[in-house]
N, C-alpha and C. Protein backbone atom coordinates (compact mmCIF):
# COMPACT_ATOMS: atom_id res chain seq x y z
N UNK A 1 7.87 -14.43 -2.75
CA UNK A 1 8.77 -13.43 -2.26
C UNK A 1 8.23 -12.87 -0.95
N UNK A 2 9.15 -12.48 -0.11
CA UNK A 2 8.78 -11.98 1.20
C UNK A 2 9.64 -10.76 1.55
N UNK A 3 9.02 -9.74 2.07
CA UNK A 3 9.72 -8.53 2.46
C UNK A 3 10.52 -8.79 3.73
N UNK A 4 11.80 -8.45 3.70
CA UNK A 4 12.70 -8.62 4.85
C UNK A 4 13.18 -7.23 5.27
N UNK A 5 12.68 -6.73 6.38
CA UNK A 5 12.97 -5.37 6.82
C UNK A 5 14.32 -5.20 7.50
N UNK A 6 15.01 -6.29 7.79
CA UNK A 6 16.25 -6.19 8.57
C UNK A 6 17.32 -5.34 7.90
N UNK A 7 17.47 -5.45 6.60
CA UNK A 7 18.47 -4.64 5.88
C UNK A 7 18.11 -3.16 5.92
N UNK A 8 16.84 -2.86 5.76
CA UNK A 8 16.39 -1.47 5.81
C UNK A 8 16.63 -0.89 7.20
N UNK A 9 16.25 -1.62 8.24
CA UNK A 9 16.42 -1.10 9.60
C UNK A 9 17.90 -0.89 9.93
N UNK A 10 18.74 -1.82 9.53
CA UNK A 10 20.17 -1.68 9.80
C UNK A 10 20.73 -0.45 9.09
N UNK A 11 20.36 -0.25 7.83
CA UNK A 11 20.85 0.90 7.08
C UNK A 11 20.29 2.21 7.65
N UNK A 12 19.03 2.19 8.04
CA UNK A 12 18.42 3.39 8.63
C UNK A 12 19.13 3.77 9.93
N UNK A 13 19.41 2.78 10.75
CA UNK A 13 20.10 3.07 12.01
C UNK A 13 21.50 3.60 11.77
N UNK A 14 22.19 3.04 10.79
CA UNK A 14 23.53 3.54 10.45
C UNK A 14 23.48 5.01 10.01
N UNK A 15 22.38 5.39 9.37
CA UNK A 15 22.21 6.76 8.88
C UNK A 15 21.68 7.69 9.98
N UNK A 16 21.43 7.14 11.17
CA UNK A 16 20.94 7.95 12.27
C UNK A 16 19.44 7.98 12.42
N UNK A 17 18.73 7.21 11.62
CA UNK A 17 17.27 7.15 11.70
C UNK A 17 16.87 6.09 12.72
N UNK A 18 16.22 6.52 13.79
CA UNK A 18 15.90 5.61 14.89
C UNK A 18 14.42 5.30 15.03
N UNK A 19 13.59 5.95 14.25
CA UNK A 19 12.14 5.78 14.38
C UNK A 19 11.53 5.76 12.98
N UNK A 20 10.37 5.09 12.87
CA UNK A 20 9.77 4.97 11.55
C UNK A 20 9.44 6.32 10.94
N UNK A 21 9.19 7.33 11.76
CA UNK A 21 8.87 8.65 11.21
C UNK A 21 10.08 9.29 10.53
N UNK A 22 11.28 8.80 10.83
CA UNK A 22 12.47 9.32 10.16
C UNK A 22 12.50 8.95 8.68
N UNK A 23 11.78 7.92 8.30
CA UNK A 23 11.73 7.50 6.90
C UNK A 23 10.94 8.47 6.03
N UNK A 24 9.98 9.15 6.62
CA UNK A 24 9.06 9.99 5.84
C UNK A 24 9.81 11.03 5.02
N UNK A 25 10.60 11.90 5.63
CA UNK A 25 11.29 12.90 4.80
C UNK A 25 12.43 12.32 3.96
N UNK A 26 13.10 11.30 4.50
CA UNK A 26 14.25 10.74 3.77
C UNK A 26 13.81 10.02 2.50
N UNK A 27 12.69 9.30 2.57
CA UNK A 27 12.22 8.54 1.41
C UNK A 27 11.13 9.26 0.62
N UNK A 28 10.53 10.27 1.23
CA UNK A 28 9.43 10.97 0.56
C UNK A 28 8.19 10.12 0.47
N UNK A 29 7.90 9.38 1.55
CA UNK A 29 6.74 8.48 1.57
C UNK A 29 5.73 8.97 2.60
N UNK A 30 4.54 8.40 2.54
CA UNK A 30 3.50 8.74 3.50
C UNK A 30 3.80 8.11 4.86
N UNK A 31 3.09 8.58 5.86
CA UNK A 31 3.24 8.01 7.21
C UNK A 31 2.89 6.52 7.19
N UNK A 32 1.82 6.18 6.48
CA UNK A 32 1.40 4.78 6.42
C UNK A 32 2.47 3.90 5.78
N UNK A 33 3.04 4.36 4.69
CA UNK A 33 4.09 3.59 4.02
C UNK A 33 5.31 3.45 4.90
N UNK A 34 5.73 4.52 5.54
CA UNK A 34 6.89 4.47 6.44
C UNK A 34 6.65 3.47 7.56
N UNK A 35 5.47 3.49 8.15
CA UNK A 35 5.15 2.56 9.24
C UNK A 35 5.18 1.11 8.75
N UNK A 36 4.58 0.86 7.59
CA UNK A 36 4.57 -0.51 7.04
C UNK A 36 5.98 -1.00 6.75
N UNK A 37 6.82 -0.15 6.19
CA UNK A 37 8.20 -0.55 5.92
C UNK A 37 8.94 -0.87 7.21
N UNK A 38 8.80 0.00 8.21
CA UNK A 38 9.52 -0.15 9.47
C UNK A 38 9.09 -1.40 10.23
N UNK A 39 7.79 -1.70 10.18
CA UNK A 39 7.26 -2.83 10.94
C UNK A 39 7.20 -4.13 10.14
N UNK A 40 7.44 -4.05 8.84
CA UNK A 40 7.41 -5.25 8.01
C UNK A 40 6.02 -5.73 7.66
N UNK A 41 5.05 -4.84 7.67
CA UNK A 41 3.66 -5.22 7.41
C UNK A 41 3.25 -5.15 5.95
N UNK A 42 4.19 -5.05 5.06
CA UNK A 42 3.88 -5.03 3.63
C UNK A 42 5.15 -4.77 2.86
N UNK A 43 5.25 -5.30 1.69
CA UNK A 43 6.49 -5.11 0.92
C UNK A 43 6.41 -3.82 0.11
N UNK A 44 7.55 -3.20 -0.14
CA UNK A 44 7.56 -1.92 -0.84
C UNK A 44 7.24 -2.06 -2.32
N UNK A 45 6.60 -1.04 -2.86
CA UNK A 45 6.39 -0.96 -4.30
C UNK A 45 7.73 -0.59 -4.95
N UNK A 46 7.79 -0.70 -6.26
CA UNK A 46 9.04 -0.44 -6.98
C UNK A 46 9.58 0.97 -6.73
N UNK A 47 8.70 1.97 -6.72
CA UNK A 47 9.17 3.34 -6.50
C UNK A 47 9.70 3.54 -5.08
N UNK A 48 9.08 2.88 -4.12
CA UNK A 48 9.56 2.98 -2.74
C UNK A 48 10.87 2.24 -2.58
N UNK A 49 10.99 1.08 -3.20
CA UNK A 49 12.25 0.33 -3.16
C UNK A 49 13.38 1.15 -3.79
N UNK A 50 13.08 1.87 -4.86
CA UNK A 50 14.10 2.72 -5.49
C UNK A 50 14.50 3.86 -4.55
N UNK A 51 13.54 4.42 -3.81
CA UNK A 51 13.84 5.47 -2.85
C UNK A 51 14.71 4.94 -1.71
N UNK A 52 14.43 3.72 -1.27
CA UNK A 52 15.23 3.08 -0.22
C UNK A 52 16.67 2.90 -0.72
N UNK A 53 16.81 2.46 -1.95
CA UNK A 53 18.16 2.28 -2.49
C UNK A 53 18.89 3.61 -2.60
N UNK A 54 18.21 4.64 -3.05
CA UNK A 54 18.85 5.95 -3.18
C UNK A 54 19.24 6.53 -1.82
N UNK A 55 18.39 6.35 -0.83
CA UNK A 55 18.64 6.95 0.49
C UNK A 55 19.60 6.14 1.34
N UNK A 56 19.50 4.82 1.27
CA UNK A 56 20.25 3.97 2.19
C UNK A 56 21.21 2.99 1.52
N UNK A 57 21.11 2.85 0.20
CA UNK A 57 21.99 1.91 -0.49
C UNK A 57 21.56 0.46 -0.39
N UNK A 58 20.33 0.23 0.05
CA UNK A 58 19.80 -1.13 0.16
C UNK A 58 19.05 -1.43 -1.13
N UNK A 59 19.47 -2.46 -1.84
CA UNK A 59 18.87 -2.78 -3.13
C UNK A 59 17.50 -3.44 -2.96
N UNK A 60 16.67 -3.36 -3.99
CA UNK A 60 15.38 -4.06 -3.92
C UNK A 60 15.56 -5.57 -3.67
N UNK A 61 16.62 -6.16 -4.22
CA UNK A 61 16.85 -7.58 -3.99
C UNK A 61 17.14 -7.86 -2.51
N UNK A 62 17.73 -6.90 -1.81
CA UNK A 62 17.98 -7.07 -0.38
C UNK A 62 16.70 -6.91 0.44
N UNK A 63 15.71 -6.21 -0.10
CA UNK A 63 14.47 -6.00 0.62
C UNK A 63 13.49 -7.15 0.49
N UNK A 64 13.51 -7.80 -0.65
CA UNK A 64 12.54 -8.87 -0.92
C UNK A 64 13.30 -10.16 -1.17
N UNK A 65 13.04 -11.14 -0.35
CA UNK A 65 13.75 -12.42 -0.42
C UNK A 65 12.80 -13.53 -0.86
N UNK A 66 13.30 -14.54 -1.55
CA UNK A 66 12.44 -15.67 -1.92
C UNK A 66 12.04 -16.44 -0.66
N UNK A 67 10.83 -16.94 -0.71
CA UNK A 67 10.34 -17.76 0.39
C UNK A 67 10.86 -19.18 0.20
N UNK A 68 11.49 -19.75 1.22
CA UNK A 68 11.99 -21.13 1.07
C UNK A 68 10.87 -22.10 0.77
N UNK A 69 11.14 -23.04 -0.09
CA UNK A 69 10.11 -24.02 -0.48
C UNK A 69 10.02 -25.13 0.54
């Protein structure tokens, strides 16, 4: 599985969030987690994925995609 940030970024931009720091209050995550999500440097944990779904409507399945064989 591989984290795909494109759905998150698109939903964040639609909601008016233009910078990774905008994720901090909306998702209730740390600065480090917000940065990793925004830049794609790590996949979200289950609680963070649930926060993304609640805030932006992006499901965990949309965030993590299977790696092609």
